[in-house]
N, C-alpha and C. Protein backbone atom coordinates (compact mmCIF):
# COMPACT_ATOMS: atom_id res chain seq x y z
N MET A 1 -11.79 1.46 18.86
CA MET A 1 -11.34 2.42 18.37
C MET A 1 -9.86 2.67 17.81
N THR A 2 -9.98 3.04 16.61
CA THR A 2 -8.39 3.15 16.14
C THR A 2 -7.60 4.32 16.57
N THR A 3 -6.45 4.44 17.07
CA THR A 3 -5.69 5.30 17.17
C THR A 3 -4.64 5.50 16.32
N ASP A 4 -3.96 6.69 16.20
CA ASP A 4 -2.71 6.69 15.17
C ASP A 4 -1.65 6.13 15.56
N THR A 5 -1.40 5.40 16.58
CA THR A 5 -0.16 4.69 16.86
C THR A 5 -0.34 3.07 16.16
N ASP A 6 -1.47 2.79 15.82
CA ASP A 6 -1.52 1.48 15.05
C ASP A 6 -2.02 1.60 13.59
N MET A 7 -1.86 2.87 12.97
CA MET A 7 -2.06 2.77 11.60
C MET A 7 -0.79 3.21 10.97
N TYR A 8 -0.95 2.63 9.95
CA TYR A 8 0.34 2.70 8.82
C TYR A 8 0.16 3.21 7.26
N ALA A 9 0.81 3.42 6.70
CA ALA A 9 0.60 3.90 5.28
C ALA A 9 1.41 3.00 4.34
N LEU A 10 1.13 2.55 3.14
CA LEU A 10 1.70 1.78 2.21
C LEU A 10 1.85 2.46 0.83
N SER A 11 2.99 2.92 0.34
CA SER A 11 2.96 3.50 -1.05
C SER A 11 3.65 2.58 -1.84
N ILE A 12 3.14 2.20 -3.22
CA ILE A 12 3.68 1.44 -4.23
C ILE A 12 3.48 2.24 -5.59
N ILE A 13 4.70 2.12 -6.43
CA ILE A 13 4.59 2.71 -7.76
C ILE A 13 4.52 1.24 -8.63
N THR A 14 3.64 0.97 -9.35
CA THR A 14 3.37 -0.39 -9.95
C THR A 14 2.81 0.09 -11.45
N GLU A 15 2.86 -1.01 -12.21
CA GLU A 15 2.56 -0.96 -13.77
C GLU A 15 0.99 -0.82 -13.66
N ASN A 16 0.36 -0.23 -14.73
CA ASN A 16 -0.82 0.36 -14.71
C ASN A 16 -1.65 -0.72 -15.48
N ARG A 17 -1.89 -1.70 -14.81
CA ARG A 17 -2.86 -2.90 -15.53
C ARG A 17 -3.78 -3.45 -14.61
N ALA A 18 -4.92 -4.30 -15.17
CA ALA A 18 -5.99 -4.78 -14.55
C ALA A 18 -5.54 -5.80 -13.62
N GLY A 19 -6.14 -5.70 -12.32
CA GLY A 19 -5.69 -6.83 -11.36
C GLY A 19 -4.88 -6.44 -10.14
N VAL A 20 -3.92 -5.47 -10.43
CA VAL A 20 -2.75 -4.93 -9.77
C VAL A 20 -3.28 -4.72 -8.30
N LEU A 21 -4.34 -3.81 -8.11
CA LEU A 21 -4.88 -3.31 -6.82
C LEU A 21 -5.35 -4.67 -6.05
N ARG A 22 -6.07 -5.55 -6.74
CA ARG A 22 -6.43 -6.76 -6.30
C ARG A 22 -5.22 -7.60 -5.74
N ASP A 23 -4.26 -7.65 -6.50
CA ASP A 23 -3.09 -8.42 -6.10
C ASP A 23 -2.36 -7.93 -4.89
N VAL A 24 -2.16 -6.53 -4.74
CA VAL A 24 -1.69 -6.16 -3.52
C VAL A 24 -2.63 -6.27 -2.47
N ALA A 25 -3.81 -5.91 -2.51
CA ALA A 25 -4.83 -5.97 -1.27
C ALA A 25 -5.12 -7.42 -0.84
N THR A 26 -4.55 -8.46 -1.80
CA THR A 26 -4.75 -9.76 -1.36
C THR A 26 -3.44 -10.14 -0.41
N VAL A 27 -2.47 -9.67 -1.03
CA VAL A 27 -1.18 -9.95 -0.18
C VAL A 27 -1.27 -9.18 1.29
N MET A 28 -1.92 -7.76 1.11
CA MET A 28 -1.96 -7.55 2.50
C MET A 28 -3.11 -8.19 3.51
N ALA A 29 -4.16 -8.67 2.81
CA ALA A 29 -5.13 -9.60 3.44
C ALA A 29 -4.48 -10.72 4.02
N ASP A 30 -3.35 -11.27 3.24
CA ASP A 30 -2.84 -12.45 3.82
C ASP A 30 -1.96 -12.15 5.26
N TYR A 31 -1.80 -11.02 5.25
CA TYR A 31 -0.99 -10.48 6.71
C TYR A 31 -2.10 -9.86 7.60
N ARG A 32 -3.42 -10.18 7.29
CA ARG A 32 -4.41 -9.47 8.05
C ARG A 32 -4.34 -8.16 8.43
N ALA A 33 -3.77 -7.37 7.34
CA ALA A 33 -3.78 -5.85 7.60
C ALA A 33 -5.21 -5.44 7.05
N ASN A 34 -5.86 -4.69 8.02
CA ASN A 34 -7.12 -4.12 7.96
C ASN A 34 -7.18 -2.65 7.14
N ILE A 35 -7.36 -2.93 5.62
CA ILE A 35 -7.14 -1.40 5.11
C ILE A 35 -8.39 -0.64 5.30
N GLN A 36 -8.01 0.49 5.75
CA GLN A 36 -9.02 1.61 5.99
C GLN A 36 -9.07 2.71 4.87
N MET A 37 -8.30 2.95 4.08
CA MET A 37 -8.32 3.77 3.00
C MET A 37 -7.47 3.28 1.80
N ILE A 38 -7.82 3.40 0.51
CA ILE A 38 -7.15 3.15 -0.72
C ILE A 38 -7.38 4.40 -1.72
N GLN A 39 -6.11 4.82 -2.02
CA GLN A 39 -6.13 5.88 -3.23
C GLN A 39 -5.05 5.44 -4.22
N GLN A 40 -5.57 5.65 -5.43
CA GLN A 40 -4.94 5.14 -6.87
C GLN A 40 -4.88 6.25 -7.68
N SER A 41 -3.86 6.70 -8.29
CA SER A 41 -3.86 7.62 -9.52
C SER A 41 -2.76 6.95 -10.46
N ILE A 42 -2.68 7.79 -11.51
CA ILE A 42 -1.77 7.46 -12.80
C ILE A 42 -0.89 8.61 -12.58
N ILE A 43 0.32 8.36 -12.80
CA ILE A 43 1.46 9.28 -12.59
C ILE A 43 1.56 10.04 -14.08
N THR A 44 1.54 11.11 -14.18
CA THR A 44 1.49 11.82 -15.45
C THR A 44 2.83 12.61 -15.86
N THR A 45 3.93 12.64 -15.07
CA THR A 45 5.02 13.30 -15.38
C THR A 45 6.23 12.49 -14.80
N GLY A 46 7.37 12.54 -15.29
CA GLY A 46 8.64 12.16 -14.59
C GLY A 46 9.10 10.53 -15.28
N LEU A 47 9.85 10.04 -14.53
CA LEU A 47 10.29 8.52 -14.91
C LEU A 47 9.41 7.65 -14.93
N ASN A 48 8.42 7.92 -14.22
CA ASN A 48 7.18 6.73 -13.94
C ASN A 48 6.09 6.95 -14.77
N THR A 49 6.07 8.01 -15.64
CA THR A 49 4.76 8.37 -16.37
C THR A 49 4.26 7.37 -16.87
N GLY A 50 2.82 7.03 -16.65
CA GLY A 50 2.11 5.98 -17.03
C GLY A 50 1.95 4.72 -16.21
N LYS A 51 2.74 4.90 -15.10
CA LYS A 51 2.66 4.00 -13.94
C LYS A 51 1.42 4.17 -12.86
N ALA A 52 1.00 3.25 -12.19
CA ALA A 52 0.09 3.49 -11.10
C ALA A 52 0.58 3.90 -9.93
N TYR A 53 0.06 4.77 -9.27
CA TYR A 53 0.59 5.10 -7.64
C TYR A 53 -0.35 4.50 -6.87
N LEU A 54 -0.06 3.48 -5.77
CA LEU A 54 -1.16 3.02 -4.88
C LEU A 54 -0.73 3.36 -3.52
N TYR A 55 -1.61 3.96 -2.75
CA TYR A 55 -1.51 4.40 -1.28
C TYR A 55 -2.59 3.72 -0.48
N PHE A 56 -2.30 3.26 0.37
CA PHE A 56 -3.03 2.35 1.37
C PHE A 56 -2.92 2.84 2.76
N GLU A 57 -3.90 3.21 3.67
CA GLU A 57 -3.68 3.15 5.19
C GLU A 57 -4.35 1.94 5.67
N PHE A 58 -3.69 1.44 6.64
CA PHE A 58 -4.08 0.19 7.27
C PHE A 58 -3.78 0.14 8.89
N GLU A 59 -4.55 -0.60 9.50
CA GLU A 59 -4.44 -0.92 10.96
C GLU A 59 -3.20 -1.93 10.96
N GLU A 60 -2.27 -1.77 12.07
CA GLU A 60 -1.15 -2.57 12.18
C GLU A 60 -1.46 -4.12 11.89
N CYS A 61 -0.55 -4.63 11.09
CA CYS A 61 -0.65 -6.05 10.73
C CYS A 61 0.23 -6.73 11.39
N GLY A 62 1.43 -6.40 12.30
CA GLY A 62 2.05 -7.11 12.99
C GLY A 62 3.59 -7.33 12.38
N ASN A 63 3.58 -7.74 11.17
CA ASN A 63 4.67 -8.21 10.58
C ASN A 63 5.03 -7.25 9.29
N HIS A 64 5.56 -6.15 9.25
CA HIS A 64 5.88 -5.12 8.19
C HIS A 64 6.79 -5.62 7.22
N GLY A 65 7.89 -6.09 7.90
CA GLY A 65 9.12 -6.66 6.98
C GLY A 65 8.74 -7.63 6.26
N GLU A 66 8.13 -8.73 6.72
CA GLU A 66 7.57 -9.64 5.91
C GLU A 66 6.57 -9.50 4.72
N LEU A 67 5.39 -8.54 5.20
CA LEU A 67 4.68 -7.92 4.23
C LEU A 67 5.29 -7.37 2.73
N VAL A 68 6.26 -6.17 3.25
CA VAL A 68 6.96 -5.86 2.29
C VAL A 68 8.04 -6.74 1.53
N ALA A 69 8.41 -7.67 2.11
CA ALA A 69 9.11 -8.58 1.03
C ALA A 69 8.42 -9.50 0.23
N ASP A 70 6.99 -9.76 0.75
CA ASP A 70 6.24 -10.57 -0.07
C ASP A 70 5.88 -9.76 -1.12
N LEU A 71 5.37 -8.20 -0.82
CA LEU A 71 4.92 -7.57 -2.19
C LEU A 71 6.12 -7.23 -3.04
N ALA A 72 7.31 -7.07 -2.54
CA ALA A 72 8.54 -6.87 -3.27
C ALA A 72 8.57 -8.28 -4.42
N ARG A 73 8.61 -9.43 -3.69
CA ARG A 73 8.91 -10.80 -4.53
C ARG A 73 7.83 -10.93 -5.59
N PHE A 74 6.56 -10.50 -5.26
CA PHE A 74 5.54 -10.96 -6.15
C PHE A 74 5.56 -9.91 -7.24
N ARG A 75 6.28 -8.72 -7.19
CA ARG A 75 6.69 -7.75 -8.16
C ARG A 75 5.68 -6.89 -8.87
N PRO A 76 4.77 -6.35 -8.00
CA PRO A 76 3.72 -5.76 -8.70
C PRO A 76 4.28 -4.12 -8.98
N SER A 77 5.75 -3.91 -8.46
CA SER A 77 6.14 -2.64 -8.47
C SER A 77 7.53 -2.44 -9.25
N SER A 78 7.81 -1.20 -9.70
CA SER A 78 9.08 -0.86 -10.18
C SER A 78 10.06 -0.16 -9.34
N THR A 79 9.53 0.10 -8.02
CA THR A 79 10.20 0.48 -6.88
C THR A 79 9.83 -0.19 -5.71
N SER A 80 10.48 -0.31 -4.64
CA SER A 80 10.38 -1.03 -3.43
C SER A 80 9.06 -0.39 -2.79
N PRO A 81 8.25 -1.15 -2.21
CA PRO A 81 7.01 -0.75 -1.51
C PRO A 81 7.61 -0.05 -0.20
N CYS A 82 6.92 0.78 0.22
CA CYS A 82 7.43 1.87 1.33
C CYS A 82 6.20 1.76 2.26
N ILE A 83 6.68 1.37 3.68
CA ILE A 83 5.38 1.35 4.70
C ILE A 83 6.17 2.50 5.67
N ARG A 84 5.15 3.38 6.27
CA ARG A 84 5.48 4.35 7.17
C ARG A 84 4.15 4.34 8.27
N ARG A 85 4.49 4.60 9.34
CA ARG A 85 3.59 5.15 10.38
C ARG A 85 2.72 6.33 9.94
N SER A 86 1.69 6.22 9.93
CA SER A 86 0.23 7.19 9.54
C SER A 86 -0.02 8.03 10.77
N PRO A 87 0.85 9.25 11.17
CA PRO A 87 0.62 9.94 12.31
C PRO A 87 -0.65 10.70 12.27
N GLY A 88 -1.05 11.13 11.06
CA GLY A 88 -2.07 12.12 10.77
C GLY A 88 -3.65 11.53 10.83
N TYR A 89 -3.53 10.15 10.71
CA TYR A 89 -4.82 9.54 10.55
C TYR A 89 -6.01 9.84 11.82
N SER A 90 -6.93 10.42 10.96
CA SER A 90 -8.14 10.63 11.93
C SER A 90 -9.29 9.93 11.66
N GLY A 91 -9.11 9.07 10.53
CA GLY A 91 -10.60 8.24 10.59
C GLY A 91 -10.99 8.73 9.04
N HIS A 92 -11.33 7.81 8.10
CA HIS A 92 -11.85 8.20 6.92
C HIS A 92 -13.28 7.53 6.93
N GLY A 93 -14.43 8.35 7.10
CA GLY A 93 -15.67 7.77 6.98
C GLY A 93 -16.26 7.42 8.16
């Protein structure tokens, strides 16, 4: 059973293009991050209008620093990926 101590959230603002969700999920899979939930939406106001906002909740992958560095290197985003502990996780499904 998953507890809230081993769940994390990842937020990314990225270009709205085909394949970007696959690309991010592939990098996460390379780090054995078990994705529990994905949400994607298109930003409609502000500096990032027209870009995609991706949000993932995943089980502990063990090396967050390298995961973020790889996501930043592969450049799916216009801003740095942000990972945080997801304290409110209660299971989705």
